[in-house]
């Protein structure tokens, strides 16, 4: 886990300086998805998403390990990882972007925000602008967002025999509560 966080922090080294007052991080962010069809509903949650924001630059990044999505049905989880997401070949989903709005992080409040960047799923990177809410409260920053992911956009193929059981557009919800990080010495 610590190696994963260190590698992810390395991303910010080239997009902004690591200042103690500017880096907020969590490795316990929650990402859920939901597939609704008339035949079957499928949902899963990943409670180990890594999220980081640099308040000095507005850079934001999220990374999750695909095999850490937990399904209510273990067979669904196996099919998700082996048949659809090819999780051994494409182990992570990543969003790297920049907040569009300027936020005053010294004031508690909730703000409508959007982040423009690149979303990589299943080895396919697409430019995206994701909208959400950013809350500053007592020294923490929380971000929540809801957005859709079309399977076709990321070359995720669904076999014809289960095509009616899996939605072609997946609803994704994210909740990340980040704490400030101390400066590296």
N, C-alpha and C. Protein backbone atom coordinates (compact mmCIF):
# COMPACT_ATOMS: atom_id res chain seq x y z
N UNK A 1 0.83 -1.19 0.00
CA UNK A 1 0.00 0.00 0.00
C UNK A 1 0.87 1.25 0.00
N UNK A 2 1.92 1.29 0.85
CA UNK A 2 2.75 2.49 0.92
C UNK A 2 3.51 2.71 -0.38
N UNK A 3 3.93 1.63 -1.05
CA UNK A 3 4.61 1.78 -2.33
C UNK A 3 3.68 2.41 -3.35
N UNK A 4 2.42 1.97 -3.36
CA UNK A 4 1.43 2.51 -4.29
C UNK A 4 1.25 4.00 -4.06
N UNK A 5 1.17 4.42 -2.81
CA UNK A 5 0.99 5.84 -2.49
C UNK A 5 2.23 6.62 -2.90
N UNK A 6 3.42 6.08 -2.63
CA UNK A 6 4.66 6.78 -3.00
C UNK A 6 4.75 6.97 -4.51
N UNK A 7 4.40 5.95 -5.26
CA UNK A 7 4.43 6.07 -6.72
C UNK A 7 3.43 7.12 -7.20
N UNK A 8 2.28 7.13 -6.58
CA UNK A 8 1.25 8.08 -6.96
C UNK A 8 1.68 9.50 -6.60
N UNK A 9 2.30 9.67 -5.45
CA UNK A 9 2.81 10.99 -5.07
C UNK A 9 3.87 11.47 -6.07
N UNK A 10 4.61 10.54 -6.65
CA UNK A 10 5.60 10.89 -7.65
C UNK A 10 5.00 11.64 -8.82
N UNK A 11 3.74 11.34 -9.15
CA UNK A 11 3.05 12.05 -10.22
C UNK A 11 3.04 13.55 -9.95
N UNK A 12 2.78 13.92 -8.71
CA UNK A 12 2.69 15.33 -8.40
C UNK A 12 4.04 16.04 -8.42
N UNK A 13 5.12 15.30 -8.34
CA UNK A 13 6.44 15.94 -8.39
C UNK A 13 6.67 16.67 -9.70
N UNK A 14 6.08 16.16 -10.78
CA UNK A 14 6.30 16.84 -12.06
C UNK A 14 5.16 17.80 -12.42
N UNK A 15 4.07 17.82 -11.67
CA UNK A 15 3.00 18.77 -11.96
C UNK A 15 2.90 19.89 -10.94
N UNK A 16 3.63 19.79 -9.87
CA UNK A 16 3.57 20.84 -8.86
C UNK A 16 4.54 20.54 -7.74
N UNK A 17 4.87 21.53 -6.99
CA UNK A 17 5.81 21.33 -5.90
C UNK A 17 5.10 20.74 -4.69
N UNK A 18 5.83 19.92 -3.93
CA UNK A 18 5.28 19.34 -2.71
C UNK A 18 5.46 20.32 -1.56
N UNK A 19 4.46 21.11 -1.31
CA UNK A 19 4.47 22.05 -0.19
C UNK A 19 3.59 21.46 0.89
N UNK A 20 3.99 21.57 2.15
CA UNK A 20 3.22 21.00 3.26
C UNK A 20 1.79 21.52 3.26
N UNK A 21 1.59 22.79 2.97
CA UNK A 21 0.26 23.37 3.04
C UNK A 21 -0.59 23.07 1.81
N UNK A 22 -0.06 22.40 0.80
CA UNK A 22 -0.82 22.23 -0.43
C UNK A 22 -1.24 20.83 -0.81
N UNK A 23 -0.75 19.81 -0.13
CA UNK A 23 -1.04 18.43 -0.54
C UNK A 23 -2.02 17.78 0.43
N UNK A 24 -3.12 17.28 -0.13
CA UNK A 24 -4.13 16.56 0.64
C UNK A 24 -4.29 15.18 0.00
N UNK A 25 -4.43 14.14 0.84
CA UNK A 25 -4.38 12.77 0.33
C UNK A 25 -5.27 11.85 1.14
N UNK A 26 -5.81 10.84 0.47
CA UNK A 26 -6.44 9.70 1.13
C UNK A 26 -6.09 8.44 0.35
N UNK A 27 -5.99 7.34 1.06
CA UNK A 27 -5.86 6.04 0.41
C UNK A 27 -7.05 5.16 0.78
N UNK A 28 -8.10 5.80 1.30
CA UNK A 28 -9.33 5.11 1.70
C UNK A 28 -10.55 5.74 1.04
N UNK A 29 -10.37 6.27 -0.16
CA UNK A 29 -11.49 6.86 -0.88
C UNK A 29 -12.45 5.79 -1.35
N UNK A 30 -13.71 6.17 -1.52
CA UNK A 30 -14.73 5.21 -1.92
C UNK A 30 -15.21 5.50 -3.34
N UNK A 31 -15.09 4.51 -4.20
CA UNK A 31 -15.59 4.58 -5.57
C UNK A 31 -16.57 3.44 -5.76
N UNK A 32 -17.78 3.76 -6.22
CA UNK A 32 -18.77 2.71 -6.47
C UNK A 32 -19.23 2.81 -7.92
N UNK A 33 -19.72 1.69 -8.43
CA UNK A 33 -20.36 1.75 -9.74
C UNK A 33 -21.63 0.91 -9.72
N UNK A 34 -22.52 1.25 -10.64
CA UNK A 34 -23.82 0.60 -10.71
C UNK A 34 -24.21 0.41 -12.16
N UNK A 35 -24.60 -0.81 -12.48
CA UNK A 35 -25.08 -1.18 -13.81
C UNK A 35 -26.52 -1.63 -13.65
N UNK A 36 -27.44 -0.90 -14.28
CA UNK A 36 -28.86 -1.22 -14.15
C UNK A 36 -29.41 -1.66 -15.50
N UNK A 37 -30.01 -2.86 -15.52
CA UNK A 37 -30.71 -3.35 -16.70
C UNK A 37 -32.01 -3.99 -16.23
N UNK A 38 -32.95 -4.21 -17.14
CA UNK A 38 -34.20 -4.89 -16.75
C UNK A 38 -33.95 -6.31 -16.23
N UNK A 39 -32.84 -6.92 -16.63
CA UNK A 39 -32.57 -8.31 -16.26
C UNK A 39 -31.84 -8.41 -14.93
N UNK A 40 -30.85 -7.52 -14.70
CA UNK A 40 -30.04 -7.65 -13.50
C UNK A 40 -29.35 -6.33 -13.16
N UNK A 41 -29.24 -6.04 -11.87
CA UNK A 41 -28.48 -4.89 -11.39
C UNK A 41 -27.14 -5.40 -10.85
N UNK A 42 -26.09 -4.67 -11.15
CA UNK A 42 -24.75 -5.04 -10.69
C UNK A 42 -24.14 -3.81 -10.01
N UNK A 43 -23.60 -4.03 -8.82
CA UNK A 43 -22.94 -2.93 -8.13
C UNK A 43 -21.68 -3.44 -7.47
N UNK A 44 -20.74 -2.52 -7.23
CA UNK A 44 -19.49 -2.87 -6.56
C UNK A 44 -18.93 -1.61 -5.91
N UNK A 45 -18.07 -1.81 -4.91
CA UNK A 45 -17.46 -0.70 -4.21
C UNK A 45 -15.97 -0.97 -4.02
N UNK A 46 -15.18 0.08 -4.16
CA UNK A 46 -13.74 0.03 -3.89
C UNK A 46 -13.49 1.08 -2.81
N UNK A 47 -13.10 0.63 -1.61
CA UNK A 47 -12.88 1.54 -0.49
C UNK A 47 -11.40 1.85 -0.28
N UNK A 48 -10.59 1.58 -1.29
CA UNK A 48 -9.15 1.83 -1.22
C UNK A 48 -8.65 2.72 -2.35
N UNK A 49 -9.52 3.56 -2.87
CA UNK A 49 -9.10 4.48 -3.94
C UNK A 49 -8.16 5.53 -3.35
N UNK A 50 -7.09 5.81 -4.07
CA UNK A 50 -6.14 6.84 -3.66
C UNK A 50 -6.51 8.13 -4.39
N UNK A 51 -6.63 9.21 -3.62
CA UNK A 51 -6.96 10.50 -4.20
C UNK A 51 -6.03 11.54 -3.61
N UNK A 52 -5.59 12.46 -4.46
CA UNK A 52 -4.66 13.50 -4.03
C UNK A 52 -5.00 14.81 -4.72
N UNK A 53 -4.86 15.89 -3.98
CA UNK A 53 -5.08 17.21 -4.56
C UNK A 53 -3.96 18.12 -4.09
N UNK A 54 -3.48 18.93 -5.01
CA UNK A 54 -2.47 19.95 -4.71
C UNK A 54 -3.21 21.28 -4.76
N UNK A 55 -3.46 21.88 -3.58
CA UNK A 55 -4.24 23.11 -3.54
C UNK A 55 -3.50 24.30 -4.14
N UNK A 56 -2.17 24.20 -4.20
CA UNK A 56 -1.39 25.30 -4.78
C UNK A 56 -1.53 25.35 -6.30
N UNK A 57 -1.69 24.18 -6.93
CA UNK A 57 -1.73 24.13 -8.39
C UNK A 57 -3.10 23.75 -8.96
N UNK A 58 -3.96 23.15 -8.11
CA UNK A 58 -5.26 22.67 -8.59
C UNK A 58 -5.18 21.29 -9.21
N UNK A 59 -3.99 20.68 -9.21
CA UNK A 59 -3.85 19.33 -9.76
C UNK A 59 -4.59 18.34 -8.86
N UNK A 60 -5.28 17.41 -9.50
CA UNK A 60 -6.01 16.38 -8.78
C UNK A 60 -5.78 15.06 -9.50
N UNK A 61 -5.68 13.99 -8.72
CA UNK A 61 -5.49 12.68 -9.32
C UNK A 61 -6.15 11.63 -8.44
N UNK A 62 -6.66 10.59 -9.10
CA UNK A 62 -7.30 9.47 -8.42
C UNK A 62 -6.80 8.20 -9.08
N UNK A 63 -6.53 7.21 -8.25
CA UNK A 63 -6.08 5.91 -8.78
C UNK A 63 -6.75 4.81 -7.96
N UNK A 64 -7.19 3.77 -8.65
CA UNK A 64 -7.76 2.62 -7.94
C UNK A 64 -7.32 1.33 -8.61
N UNK A 65 -7.18 0.31 -7.78
CA UNK A 65 -6.84 -1.02 -8.25
C UNK A 65 -8.15 -1.73 -8.57
N UNK A 66 -8.28 -2.23 -9.77
CA UNK A 66 -9.54 -2.83 -10.22
C UNK A 66 -9.94 -4.05 -9.39
N UNK A 67 -8.97 -4.84 -8.98
CA UNK A 67 -9.28 -6.04 -8.19
C UNK A 67 -9.76 -5.72 -6.78
N UNK A 68 -9.71 -4.45 -6.39
CA UNK A 68 -10.19 -4.07 -5.06
C UNK A 68 -11.67 -3.69 -5.06
N UNK A 69 -12.34 -3.81 -6.21
CA UNK A 69 -13.78 -3.63 -6.21
C UNK A 69 -14.40 -4.88 -5.59
N UNK A 70 -15.29 -4.65 -4.63
CA UNK A 70 -15.94 -5.73 -3.91
C UNK A 70 -17.39 -5.83 -4.39
N UNK A 71 -17.79 -7.03 -4.79
CA UNK A 71 -19.14 -7.29 -5.29
C UNK A 71 -19.91 -8.12 -4.27
N UNK A 72 -21.22 -8.00 -4.24
CA UNK A 72 -21.99 -8.84 -3.32
C UNK A 72 -21.93 -10.32 -3.72
N UNK A 73 -21.64 -10.57 -5.00
CA UNK A 73 -21.58 -11.93 -5.52
C UNK A 73 -20.16 -12.17 -6.04
N UNK A 74 -19.47 -13.13 -5.48
CA UNK A 74 -18.06 -13.39 -5.84
C UNK A 74 -17.91 -13.83 -7.30
N UNK A 75 -18.93 -14.49 -7.86
CA UNK A 75 -18.86 -14.87 -9.27
C UNK A 75 -18.88 -13.63 -10.16
N UNK A 76 -19.69 -12.63 -9.80
CA UNK A 76 -19.69 -11.37 -10.54
C UNK A 76 -18.31 -10.72 -10.48
N UNK A 77 -17.70 -10.76 -9.31
CA UNK A 77 -16.37 -10.17 -9.13
C UNK A 77 -15.35 -10.87 -10.01
N UNK A 78 -15.43 -12.18 -10.07
CA UNK A 78 -14.52 -12.95 -10.92
C UNK A 78 -14.73 -12.60 -12.39
N UNK A 79 -15.98 -12.55 -12.83
CA UNK A 79 -16.27 -12.21 -14.23
C UNK A 79 -15.81 -10.79 -14.55
N UNK A 80 -16.04 -9.85 -13.64
CA UNK A 80 -15.61 -8.46 -13.81
C UNK A 80 -14.11 -8.40 -14.08
N UNK A 81 -13.33 -9.04 -13.23
CA UNK A 81 -11.86 -8.97 -13.33
C UNK A 81 -11.30 -9.77 -14.50
N UNK A 82 -11.86 -10.95 -14.76
CA UNK A 82 -11.29 -11.83 -15.78
C UNK A 82 -11.88 -11.61 -17.18
N UNK A 83 -13.18 -11.41 -17.27
CA UNK A 83 -13.83 -11.39 -18.58
C UNK A 83 -14.03 -10.00 -19.17
N UNK A 84 -14.18 -8.97 -18.31
CA UNK A 84 -14.50 -7.65 -18.82
C UNK A 84 -13.35 -6.66 -18.67
N UNK A 85 -12.79 -6.57 -17.47
CA UNK A 85 -11.78 -5.55 -17.21
C UNK A 85 -10.36 -6.02 -17.49
N UNK A 86 -10.14 -7.31 -17.67
CA UNK A 86 -8.78 -7.83 -17.88
C UNK A 86 -7.84 -7.24 -16.82
N UNK A 87 -8.23 -7.39 -15.55
CA UNK A 87 -7.55 -6.71 -14.45
C UNK A 87 -6.08 -7.10 -14.28
N UNK A 88 -5.70 -8.28 -14.74
CA UNK A 88 -4.27 -8.62 -14.69
C UNK A 88 -3.47 -7.79 -15.69
N UNK A 89 -4.07 -7.53 -16.85
CA UNK A 89 -3.42 -6.74 -17.89
C UNK A 89 -3.55 -5.24 -17.63
N UNK A 90 -4.72 -4.82 -17.14
CA UNK A 90 -5.01 -3.40 -16.86
C UNK A 90 -5.41 -3.27 -15.39
N UNK A 91 -4.44 -3.29 -14.49
CA UNK A 91 -4.76 -3.38 -13.05
C UNK A 91 -5.34 -2.13 -12.42
N UNK A 92 -5.21 -0.97 -13.05
CA UNK A 92 -5.62 0.28 -12.41
C UNK A 92 -6.48 1.13 -13.33
N UNK A 93 -7.32 1.94 -12.68
CA UNK A 93 -8.02 3.03 -13.36
C UNK A 93 -7.46 4.32 -12.75
N UNK A 94 -7.26 5.33 -13.60
CA UNK A 94 -6.62 6.57 -13.15
C UNK A 94 -7.30 7.77 -13.77
N UNK A 95 -7.48 8.81 -12.96
CA UNK A 95 -7.87 10.12 -13.47
C UNK A 95 -6.80 11.10 -13.04
N UNK A 96 -6.26 11.87 -13.99
CA UNK A 96 -5.29 12.94 -13.70
C UNK A 96 -5.82 14.20 -14.36
N UNK A 97 -6.00 15.22 -13.54
CA UNK A 97 -6.54 16.44 -14.11
C UNK A 97 -6.26 17.66 -13.27
N UNK A 98 -6.99 18.72 -13.56
CA UNK A 98 -6.80 20.00 -12.90
C UNK A 98 -8.18 20.60 -12.64
N UNK A 99 -8.36 21.12 -11.42
CA UNK A 99 -9.61 21.81 -11.11
C UNK A 99 -9.72 23.07 -11.96
N UNK A 100 -10.88 23.30 -12.51
CA UNK A 100 -11.11 24.47 -13.34
C UNK A 100 -11.30 25.71 -12.47
N UNK A 101 -12.05 25.57 -11.39
CA UNK A 101 -12.37 26.70 -10.52
C UNK A 101 -11.24 26.95 -9.51
N UNK A 102 -11.09 28.19 -9.14
CA UNK A 102 -10.16 28.57 -8.07
C UNK A 102 -10.94 28.53 -6.76
N UNK A 103 -10.39 27.83 -5.78
CA UNK A 103 -11.06 27.64 -4.49
C UNK A 103 -10.23 28.32 -3.40
N UNK A 104 -10.90 28.95 -2.46
CA UNK A 104 -10.22 29.51 -1.28
C UNK A 104 -10.24 28.42 -0.21
N UNK A 105 -9.14 27.69 -0.11
CA UNK A 105 -9.05 26.56 0.81
C UNK A 105 -8.92 26.98 2.26
N UNK A 106 -8.83 28.28 2.53
CA UNK A 106 -8.75 28.76 3.92
C UNK A 106 -10.14 28.96 4.51
N UNK A 107 -11.18 28.87 3.68
CA UNK A 107 -12.55 29.09 4.15
C UNK A 107 -13.36 27.80 4.05
N UNK A 108 -14.01 27.43 5.16
CA UNK A 108 -14.92 26.29 5.13
C UNK A 108 -16.07 26.59 4.19
N UNK A 109 -16.50 25.56 3.45
CA UNK A 109 -17.62 25.72 2.53
C UNK A 109 -17.68 24.59 1.53
N UNK A 110 -18.76 24.57 0.78
CA UNK A 110 -18.96 23.58 -0.27
C UNK A 110 -19.05 24.31 -1.60
N UNK A 111 -18.31 23.81 -2.57
CA UNK A 111 -18.19 24.47 -3.86
C UNK A 111 -18.51 23.50 -4.99
N UNK A 112 -19.21 23.98 -6.02
CA UNK A 112 -19.38 23.22 -7.26
C UNK A 112 -18.06 23.32 -8.01
N UNK A 113 -17.52 22.19 -8.42
CA UNK A 113 -16.24 22.18 -9.12
C UNK A 113 -16.31 21.26 -10.34
N UNK A 114 -15.34 21.44 -11.20
CA UNK A 114 -15.13 20.52 -12.32
C UNK A 114 -13.62 20.35 -12.49
N UNK A 115 -13.26 19.18 -12.92
CA UNK A 115 -11.85 18.88 -13.17
C UNK A 115 -11.73 18.36 -14.59
N UNK A 116 -10.81 18.95 -15.34
CA UNK A 116 -10.57 18.53 -16.71
C UNK A 116 -9.26 17.77 -16.75
N UNK A 117 -9.29 16.60 -17.39
CA UNK A 117 -8.08 15.79 -17.45
C UNK A 117 -8.30 14.54 -18.27
N UNK A 118 -7.54 13.50 -17.92
CA UNK A 118 -7.59 12.23 -18.65
C UNK A 118 -8.03 11.11 -17.73
N UNK A 119 -9.01 10.34 -18.20
CA UNK A 119 -9.51 9.16 -17.49
C UNK A 119 -9.03 7.93 -18.23
N UNK A 120 -8.28 7.08 -17.53
CA UNK A 120 -7.77 5.84 -18.12
C UNK A 120 -8.43 4.65 -17.45
N UNK A 121 -9.14 3.87 -18.25
CA UNK A 121 -9.77 2.63 -17.80
C UNK A 121 -9.52 1.58 -18.87
N UNK A 122 -9.15 0.39 -18.45
CA UNK A 122 -8.96 -0.73 -19.38
C UNK A 122 -7.91 -0.39 -20.44
N UNK A 123 -6.92 0.41 -20.02
CA UNK A 123 -5.82 0.77 -20.91
C UNK A 123 -6.14 1.84 -21.93
N UNK A 124 -7.35 2.40 -21.89
CA UNK A 124 -7.77 3.42 -22.85
C UNK A 124 -7.94 4.74 -22.12
N UNK A 125 -7.27 5.77 -22.62
CA UNK A 125 -7.32 7.10 -22.01
C UNK A 125 -8.22 8.01 -22.83
N UNK A 126 -9.13 8.67 -22.13
CA UNK A 126 -10.07 9.60 -22.77
C UNK A 126 -10.05 10.92 -22.01
N UNK A 127 -10.07 12.04 -22.74
CA UNK A 127 -10.20 13.33 -22.06
C UNK A 127 -11.61 13.45 -21.47
N UNK A 128 -11.68 13.94 -20.24
CA UNK A 128 -12.98 14.08 -19.57
C UNK A 128 -13.00 15.34 -18.72
N UNK A 129 -14.16 15.88 -18.55
CA UNK A 129 -14.40 16.91 -17.54
C UNK A 129 -15.43 16.33 -16.59
N UNK A 130 -15.01 16.16 -15.34
CA UNK A 130 -15.87 15.57 -14.32
C UNK A 130 -16.34 16.67 -13.38
N UNK A 131 -17.62 16.67 -13.07
CA UNK A 131 -18.20 17.67 -12.18
C UNK A 131 -18.47 17.06 -10.82
N UNK A 132 -18.42 17.90 -9.78
CA UNK A 132 -18.69 17.41 -8.46
C UNK A 132 -18.77 18.51 -7.44
N UNK A 133 -18.68 18.12 -6.20
CA UNK A 133 -18.69 19.04 -5.06
C UNK A 133 -17.38 18.90 -4.31
N UNK A 134 -16.82 20.02 -3.91
CA UNK A 134 -15.62 20.05 -3.08
C UNK A 134 -15.99 20.75 -1.79
N UNK A 135 -15.70 20.12 -0.66
CA UNK A 135 -16.01 20.70 0.64
C UNK A 135 -14.73 20.89 1.44
N UNK A 136 -14.55 22.09 1.94
CA UNK A 136 -13.45 22.40 2.86
C UNK A 136 -14.08 22.50 4.24
N UNK A 137 -13.58 21.68 5.18
CA UNK A 137 -14.14 21.69 6.53
C UNK A 137 -13.08 21.33 7.54
N UNK A 138 -12.74 22.29 8.38
CA UNK A 138 -11.85 22.05 9.51
C UNK A 138 -10.55 21.33 9.11
N UNK A 139 -9.92 21.79 8.07
CA UNK A 139 -8.62 21.25 7.69
C UNK A 139 -8.64 20.02 6.80
N UNK A 140 -9.81 19.59 6.38
CA UNK A 140 -9.88 18.47 5.43
C UNK A 140 -10.57 18.95 4.15
N UNK A 141 -10.33 18.21 3.09
CA UNK A 141 -10.97 18.49 1.81
C UNK A 141 -11.67 17.22 1.37
N UNK A 142 -12.95 17.34 1.04
CA UNK A 142 -13.72 16.20 0.54
C UNK A 142 -14.18 16.52 -0.87
N UNK A 143 -14.14 15.52 -1.72
CA UNK A 143 -14.62 15.65 -3.09
C UNK A 143 -15.61 14.53 -3.34
N UNK A 144 -16.74 14.87 -3.95
CA UNK A 144 -17.70 13.85 -4.39
C UNK A 144 -18.07 14.14 -5.83
N UNK A 145 -18.34 13.07 -6.57
CA UNK A 145 -18.67 13.23 -7.98
C UNK A 145 -19.52 12.06 -8.43
N UNK A 146 -20.35 12.30 -9.42
CA UNK A 146 -21.11 11.25 -10.10
C UNK A 146 -20.95 11.48 -11.59
N UNK A 147 -20.65 10.40 -12.31
CA UNK A 147 -20.49 10.52 -13.76
C UNK A 147 -20.74 9.16 -14.40
N UNK A 148 -20.90 9.17 -15.70
CA UNK A 148 -21.14 7.94 -16.46
C UNK A 148 -19.89 7.54 -17.22
N UNK A 149 -19.73 6.23 -17.38
CA UNK A 149 -18.65 5.68 -18.21
C UNK A 149 -19.28 4.74 -19.22
N UNK A 150 -19.13 5.06 -20.49
CA UNK A 150 -19.62 4.20 -21.56
C UNK A 150 -18.58 3.11 -21.81
N UNK A 151 -19.01 1.87 -21.79
CA UNK A 151 -18.08 0.75 -21.98
C UNK A 151 -17.35 0.85 -23.32
N UNK A 152 -18.04 1.27 -24.35
CA UNK A 152 -17.45 1.37 -25.68
C UNK A 152 -16.28 2.36 -25.71
N UNK A 153 -16.35 3.41 -24.87
CA UNK A 153 -15.27 4.40 -24.83
C UNK A 153 -13.94 3.82 -24.36
N UNK A 154 -14.00 2.72 -23.63
CA UNK A 154 -12.77 2.14 -23.07
C UNK A 154 -12.55 0.70 -23.57
N UNK A 155 -13.15 0.40 -24.71
CA UNK A 155 -12.97 -0.90 -25.36
C UNK A 155 -13.26 -2.07 -24.42
N UNK A 156 -14.29 -1.92 -23.60
CA UNK A 156 -14.72 -3.01 -22.72
C UNK A 156 -15.82 -3.76 -23.44
N UNK A 157 -15.52 -4.99 -23.79
CA UNK A 157 -16.45 -5.79 -24.58
C UNK A 157 -17.29 -6.68 -23.66
N UNK A 158 -18.57 -6.76 -23.98
CA UNK A 158 -19.49 -7.61 -23.24
C UNK A 158 -19.95 -8.70 -24.20
N UNK A 159 -19.74 -9.97 -23.84
CA UNK A 159 -20.18 -11.07 -24.72
C UNK A 159 -21.68 -10.98 -25.00
N UNK A 160 -22.08 -11.35 -26.20
CA UNK A 160 -23.46 -11.22 -26.65
C UNK A 160 -24.43 -11.95 -25.72
N UNK A 161 -24.04 -13.10 -25.16
CA UNK A 161 -24.97 -13.87 -24.34
C UNK A 161 -25.30 -13.19 -22.99
N UNK A 162 -24.47 -12.24 -22.54
CA UNK A 162 -24.78 -11.51 -21.30
C UNK A 162 -25.01 -10.03 -21.56
N UNK A 163 -25.12 -9.65 -22.82
CA UNK A 163 -25.27 -8.26 -23.22
C UNK A 163 -26.46 -7.59 -22.53
N UNK A 164 -27.57 -8.30 -22.35
CA UNK A 164 -28.76 -7.71 -21.74
C UNK A 164 -28.64 -7.61 -20.22
N UNK A 165 -27.63 -8.24 -19.63
CA UNK A 165 -27.45 -8.21 -18.18
C UNK A 165 -26.54 -7.08 -17.71
N UNK A 166 -25.81 -6.46 -18.63
CA UNK A 166 -24.84 -5.43 -18.26
C UNK A 166 -25.14 -4.16 -19.03
N UNK A 167 -25.32 -3.07 -18.29
CA UNK A 167 -25.59 -1.78 -18.92
C UNK A 167 -24.39 -1.36 -19.76
N UNK A 168 -24.65 -0.67 -20.86
CA UNK A 168 -23.57 -0.20 -21.72
C UNK A 168 -22.98 1.12 -21.22
N UNK A 169 -23.68 1.76 -20.29
CA UNK A 169 -23.19 2.96 -19.62
C UNK A 169 -23.28 2.70 -18.12
N UNK A 170 -22.16 2.82 -17.44
CA UNK A 170 -22.06 2.51 -16.01
C UNK A 170 -22.07 3.81 -15.22
N UNK A 171 -22.86 3.84 -14.16
CA UNK A 171 -22.92 5.00 -13.27
C UNK A 171 -21.83 4.86 -12.20
N UNK A 172 -20.99 5.88 -12.07
CA UNK A 172 -19.89 5.86 -11.11
C UNK A 172 -20.11 6.98 -10.09
N UNK A 173 -19.86 6.66 -8.81
CA UNK A 173 -19.93 7.64 -7.73
C UNK A 173 -18.62 7.57 -6.95
N UNK A 174 -18.12 8.75 -6.56
CA UNK A 174 -16.86 8.84 -5.83
C UNK A 174 -17.04 9.71 -4.60
N UNK A 175 -16.40 9.31 -3.50
CA UNK A 175 -16.36 10.12 -2.28
C UNK A 175 -14.95 9.98 -1.69
N UNK A 176 -14.24 11.10 -1.62
CA UNK A 176 -12.88 11.08 -1.10
C UNK A 176 -12.74 12.18 -0.06
N UNK A 177 -12.31 11.81 1.13
CA UNK A 177 -12.04 12.78 2.20
C UNK A 177 -10.55 12.77 2.45
N UNK A 178 -9.90 13.90 2.15
CA UNK A 178 -8.43 13.96 2.17
C UNK A 178 -7.91 14.82 3.32
N UNK A 179 -6.81 14.37 3.89
CA UNK A 179 -6.18 15.09 5.00
C UNK A 179 -4.87 15.71 4.49
N UNK A 180 -4.43 16.80 5.13
CA UNK A 180 -3.16 17.43 4.71
C UNK A 180 -1.98 16.51 4.99
N UNK A 181 -0.98 16.60 4.13
CA UNK A 181 0.23 15.79 4.26
C UNK A 181 1.38 16.67 4.71
N UNK A 182 2.22 16.12 5.56
CA UNK A 182 3.40 16.84 6.04
C UNK A 182 4.43 16.93 4.93
N UNK A 183 5.24 17.97 4.98
CA UNK A 183 6.29 18.17 3.99
C UNK A 183 7.38 17.11 4.15
N UNK A 184 7.96 16.68 3.05
CA UNK A 184 9.09 15.75 3.04
C UNK A 184 10.36 16.51 3.36
N UNK A 185 11.17 15.92 4.21
CA UNK A 185 12.44 16.58 4.57
C UNK A 185 13.61 15.79 4.05
